[in-house]
Amino acid sequence: MSQTEAERELAELLVESLNLEGVDPHAIDPEAPLFNDGLGLDSIDALELSLAVGKRYGVQLRAEGEDNRRIFASLRALSAHVQSQRRLT
């Protein structure tokens, strides 16, 4: 499944900010889970990714956010959330 331009940019940020050596950002399936069976990210990765997204896009993701499971479900879900929040600011 191909990535949109926004997803590609976010995948590059993800790989760069989490130092995912050997992971090609362009090869990340936008629908694949980011945690557990997908990329295998953990809660520390989520915090680091939240900080990187905040710095790059000015979108704040709270650690205890009720919607985090949905927001971080996949690259596509995270990208959609970031894009929707950027339009509000």
N, C-alpha and C. Protein backbone atom coordinates (compact mmCIF):
# COMPACT_ATOMS: atom_id res chain seq x y z
N MET A 1 0.85 -1.18 0.00
CA MET A 1 0.00 0.00 0.00
C MET A 1 0.89 1.24 0.00
N SER A 2 0.61 2.18 -0.84
CA SER A 2 1.49 3.34 -0.97
C SER A 2 1.14 4.43 0.04
N GLN A 3 2.16 5.20 0.36
CA GLN A 3 2.03 6.30 1.32
C GLN A 3 1.69 7.59 0.60
N THR A 4 0.94 8.45 1.28
CA THR A 4 0.74 9.80 0.78
C THR A 4 2.00 10.60 1.07
N GLU A 5 2.09 11.80 0.54
CA GLU A 5 3.26 12.64 0.80
C GLU A 5 3.38 12.94 2.29
N ALA A 6 2.26 13.24 2.95
CA ALA A 6 2.28 13.53 4.39
C ALA A 6 2.70 12.30 5.19
N GLU A 7 2.25 11.12 4.78
CA GLU A 7 2.64 9.89 5.46
C GLU A 7 4.13 9.60 5.27
N ARG A 8 4.62 9.88 4.09
CA ARG A 8 6.04 9.66 3.79
C ARG A 8 6.91 10.56 4.67
N GLU A 9 6.51 11.82 4.79
CA GLU A 9 7.24 12.77 5.62
C GLU A 9 7.22 12.32 7.09
N LEU A 10 6.07 11.87 7.55
CA LEU A 10 5.94 11.41 8.93
C LEU A 10 6.73 10.11 9.15
N ALA A 11 6.75 9.23 8.17
CA ALA A 11 7.53 7.98 8.29
C ALA A 11 9.01 8.30 8.40
N GLU A 12 9.48 9.29 7.66
CA GLU A 12 10.88 9.70 7.74
C GLU A 12 11.19 10.26 9.12
N LEU A 13 10.28 11.06 9.66
CA LEU A 13 10.45 11.60 11.01
C LEU A 13 10.48 10.47 12.04
N LEU A 14 9.60 9.51 11.88
CA LEU A 14 9.51 8.37 12.79
C LEU A 14 10.83 7.60 12.81
N VAL A 15 11.34 7.23 11.64
CA VAL A 15 12.58 6.46 11.55
C VAL A 15 13.75 7.27 12.10
N GLU A 16 13.79 8.55 11.77
CA GLU A 16 14.89 9.42 12.21
C GLU A 16 14.85 9.65 13.71
N SER A 17 13.69 10.00 14.25
CA SER A 17 13.60 10.35 15.67
C SER A 17 13.75 9.13 16.59
N LEU A 18 13.39 7.95 16.10
CA LEU A 18 13.49 6.75 16.93
C LEU A 18 14.73 5.92 16.59
N ASN A 19 15.57 6.44 15.69
CA ASN A 19 16.80 5.73 15.29
C ASN A 19 16.52 4.28 14.91
N LEU A 20 15.54 4.08 14.04
CA LEU A 20 15.17 2.73 13.61
C LEU A 20 16.10 2.29 12.47
N GLU A 21 17.26 1.83 12.85
CA GLU A 21 18.25 1.41 11.85
C GLU A 21 17.72 0.22 11.06
N GLY A 22 17.96 0.27 9.77
CA GLY A 22 17.54 -0.83 8.92
C GLY A 22 16.08 -0.75 8.48
N VAL A 23 15.36 0.29 8.92
CA VAL A 23 13.96 0.45 8.52
C VAL A 23 13.90 1.53 7.43
N ASP A 24 13.39 1.16 6.28
CA ASP A 24 13.21 2.11 5.18
C ASP A 24 11.87 2.82 5.39
N PRO A 25 11.89 4.13 5.62
CA PRO A 25 10.63 4.84 5.87
C PRO A 25 9.62 4.68 4.75
N HIS A 26 10.11 4.53 3.51
CA HIS A 26 9.21 4.40 2.37
C HIS A 26 8.58 3.02 2.29
N ALA A 27 9.13 2.07 3.04
CA ALA A 27 8.61 0.70 3.02
C ALA A 27 7.61 0.44 4.14
N ILE A 28 7.38 1.43 5.00
CA ILE A 28 6.43 1.25 6.10
C ILE A 28 5.01 1.24 5.53
N ASP A 29 4.30 0.17 5.80
CA ASP A 29 2.90 0.07 5.36
C ASP A 29 2.09 1.06 6.19
N PRO A 30 1.42 2.02 5.54
CA PRO A 30 0.69 3.03 6.30
C PRO A 30 -0.47 2.48 7.12
N GLU A 31 -0.91 1.27 6.80
CA GLU A 31 -2.02 0.66 7.53
C GLU A 31 -1.54 -0.30 8.64
N ALA A 32 -0.25 -0.62 8.65
CA ALA A 32 0.28 -1.57 9.63
C ALA A 32 0.32 -0.93 11.02
N PRO A 33 0.10 -1.72 12.06
CA PRO A 33 0.19 -1.20 13.42
C PRO A 33 1.59 -0.67 13.71
N LEU A 34 1.67 0.42 14.46
CA LEU A 34 2.97 0.94 14.86
C LEU A 34 3.53 0.17 16.05
N PHE A 35 2.66 -0.38 16.87
CA PHE A 35 3.08 -1.07 18.08
C PHE A 35 2.89 -2.57 17.96
N ASN A 36 3.53 -3.30 18.85
CA ASN A 36 3.43 -4.75 18.92
C ASN A 36 3.82 -5.41 17.60
N ASP A 37 2.87 -6.04 16.92
CA ASP A 37 3.17 -6.84 15.74
C ASP A 37 3.65 -6.03 14.54
N GLY A 38 3.32 -4.76 14.49
CA GLY A 38 3.71 -3.94 13.34
C GLY A 38 5.19 -3.59 13.41
N LEU A 39 5.49 -2.31 13.69
CA LEU A 39 6.88 -1.87 13.80
C LEU A 39 7.51 -2.28 15.12
N GLY A 40 6.68 -2.70 16.06
CA GLY A 40 7.20 -3.14 17.35
C GLY A 40 7.58 -2.01 18.29
N LEU A 41 6.97 -0.85 18.12
CA LEU A 41 7.27 0.27 19.00
C LEU A 41 6.71 0.02 20.39
N ASP A 42 7.26 0.74 21.38
CA ASP A 42 6.76 0.60 22.75
C ASP A 42 6.39 1.98 23.30
N SER A 43 6.04 2.04 24.58
CA SER A 43 5.55 3.29 25.17
C SER A 43 6.63 4.38 25.18
N ILE A 44 7.89 4.00 25.35
CA ILE A 44 8.98 4.99 25.30
C ILE A 44 9.07 5.58 23.89
N ASP A 45 8.92 4.72 22.89
CA ASP A 45 8.93 5.20 21.50
C ASP A 45 7.78 6.17 21.26
N ALA A 46 6.63 5.88 21.86
CA ALA A 46 5.46 6.76 21.70
C ALA A 46 5.75 8.14 22.26
N LEU A 47 6.42 8.18 23.41
CA LEU A 47 6.77 9.48 24.01
C LEU A 47 7.75 10.24 23.11
N GLU A 48 8.77 9.54 22.64
CA GLU A 48 9.76 10.19 21.76
C GLU A 48 9.11 10.66 20.46
N LEU A 49 8.24 9.85 19.91
CA LEU A 49 7.55 10.23 18.68
C LEU A 49 6.63 11.43 18.91
N SER A 50 5.96 11.45 20.06
CA SER A 50 5.09 12.58 20.41
C SER A 50 5.89 13.88 20.46
N LEU A 51 7.08 13.82 21.07
CA LEU A 51 7.94 15.01 21.15
C LEU A 51 8.39 15.45 19.76
N ALA A 52 8.78 14.50 18.92
CA ALA A 52 9.23 14.82 17.57
C ALA A 52 8.10 15.43 16.74
N VAL A 53 6.90 14.88 16.86
CA VAL A 53 5.73 15.42 16.14
C VAL A 53 5.43 16.83 16.64
N GLY A 54 5.52 17.03 17.95
CA GLY A 54 5.28 18.36 18.52
C GLY A 54 6.26 19.39 17.99
N LYS A 55 7.54 19.01 17.93
CA LYS A 55 8.57 19.93 17.43
C LYS A 55 8.39 20.23 15.96
N ARG A 56 8.15 19.20 15.16
CA ARG A 56 8.08 19.37 13.71
C ARG A 56 6.78 20.04 13.27
N TYR A 57 5.66 19.61 13.85
CA TYR A 57 4.35 20.06 13.35
C TYR A 57 3.60 20.99 14.30
N GLY A 58 4.09 21.14 15.53
CA GLY A 58 3.38 21.97 16.49
C GLY A 58 2.10 21.34 16.99
N VAL A 59 1.99 20.03 16.86
CA VAL A 59 0.81 19.29 17.31
C VAL A 59 1.15 18.59 18.61
N GLN A 60 0.40 18.91 19.66
CA GLN A 60 0.66 18.32 20.96
C GLN A 60 -0.12 17.02 21.13
N LEU A 61 0.61 15.97 21.51
CA LEU A 61 0.00 14.67 21.79
C LEU A 61 0.25 14.38 23.27
N ARG A 62 -0.81 14.25 24.04
CA ARG A 62 -0.66 14.05 25.48
C ARG A 62 -0.43 12.59 25.82
N ALA A 63 0.43 12.37 26.79
CA ALA A 63 0.78 11.00 27.19
C ALA A 63 -0.45 10.21 27.63
N GLU A 64 -1.36 10.86 28.32
CA GLU A 64 -2.55 10.15 28.81
C GLU A 64 -3.77 10.41 27.94
N GLY A 65 -3.55 10.84 26.72
CA GLY A 65 -4.67 11.16 25.84
C GLY A 65 -5.58 9.96 25.62
N GLU A 66 -6.87 10.19 25.73
CA GLU A 66 -7.86 9.12 25.59
C GLU A 66 -7.84 8.52 24.18
N ASP A 67 -7.49 9.32 23.20
CA ASP A 67 -7.53 8.87 21.81
C ASP A 67 -6.20 8.31 21.32
N ASN A 68 -5.21 8.18 22.20
CA ASN A 68 -3.88 7.75 21.76
C ASN A 68 -3.89 6.41 21.05
N ARG A 69 -4.69 5.48 21.52
CA ARG A 69 -4.72 4.16 20.89
C ARG A 69 -5.16 4.29 19.43
N ARG A 70 -6.14 5.15 19.18
CA ARG A 70 -6.61 5.37 17.82
C ARG A 70 -5.59 6.19 17.01
N ILE A 71 -5.05 7.23 17.62
CA ILE A 71 -4.11 8.11 16.93
C ILE A 71 -2.85 7.36 16.52
N PHE A 72 -2.33 6.52 17.41
CA PHE A 72 -1.09 5.79 17.14
C PHE A 72 -1.34 4.40 16.56
N ALA A 73 -2.52 4.14 16.08
CA ALA A 73 -2.85 2.82 15.55
C ALA A 73 -1.97 2.46 14.35
N SER A 74 -1.71 3.43 13.49
CA SER A 74 -0.92 3.19 12.28
C SER A 74 -0.33 4.51 11.80
N LEU A 75 0.56 4.42 10.86
CA LEU A 75 1.14 5.62 10.26
C LEU A 75 0.03 6.47 9.64
N ARG A 76 -0.92 5.83 9.00
CA ARG A 76 -2.01 6.56 8.35
C ARG A 76 -2.87 7.30 9.38
N ALA A 77 -3.18 6.64 10.49
CA ALA A 77 -4.00 7.27 11.54
C ALA A 77 -3.26 8.44 12.17
N LEU A 78 -1.97 8.27 12.43
CA LEU A 78 -1.17 9.35 13.02
C LEU A 78 -1.08 10.52 12.06
N SER A 79 -0.84 10.24 10.79
CA SER A 79 -0.74 11.29 9.79
C SER A 79 -2.06 12.06 9.67
N ALA A 80 -3.17 11.34 9.65
CA ALA A 80 -4.48 11.99 9.56
C ALA A 80 -4.72 12.90 10.75
N HIS A 81 -4.34 12.44 11.94
CA HIS A 81 -4.52 13.25 13.15
C HIS A 81 -3.65 14.51 13.07
N VAL A 82 -2.39 14.35 12.70
CA VAL A 82 -1.48 15.49 12.60
C VAL A 82 -2.02 16.50 11.60
N GLN A 83 -2.45 16.02 10.44
CA GLN A 83 -2.97 16.93 9.41
C GLN A 83 -4.22 17.65 9.89
N SER A 84 -5.11 16.96 10.59
CA SER A 84 -6.35 17.59 11.07
C SER A 84 -6.04 18.65 12.12
N GLN A 85 -5.05 18.38 12.99
CA GLN A 85 -4.70 19.34 14.03
C GLN A 85 -3.96 20.55 13.46
N ARG A 86 -3.17 20.34 12.44
CA ARG A 86 -2.44 21.44 11.81
C ARG A 86 -3.41 22.43 11.16
N ARG A 87 -4.52 21.92 10.65
CA ARG A 87 -5.51 22.79 10.00
C ARG A 87 -6.24 23.65 11.03
N LEU A 88 -6.28 23.17 12.27
CA LEU A 88 -6.99 23.92 13.33
C LEU A 88 -6.17 25.07 13.88
N THR A 89 -4.85 25.01 13.69
CA THR A 89 -4.00 26.05 14.28
C THR A 89 -3.67 27.13 13.30
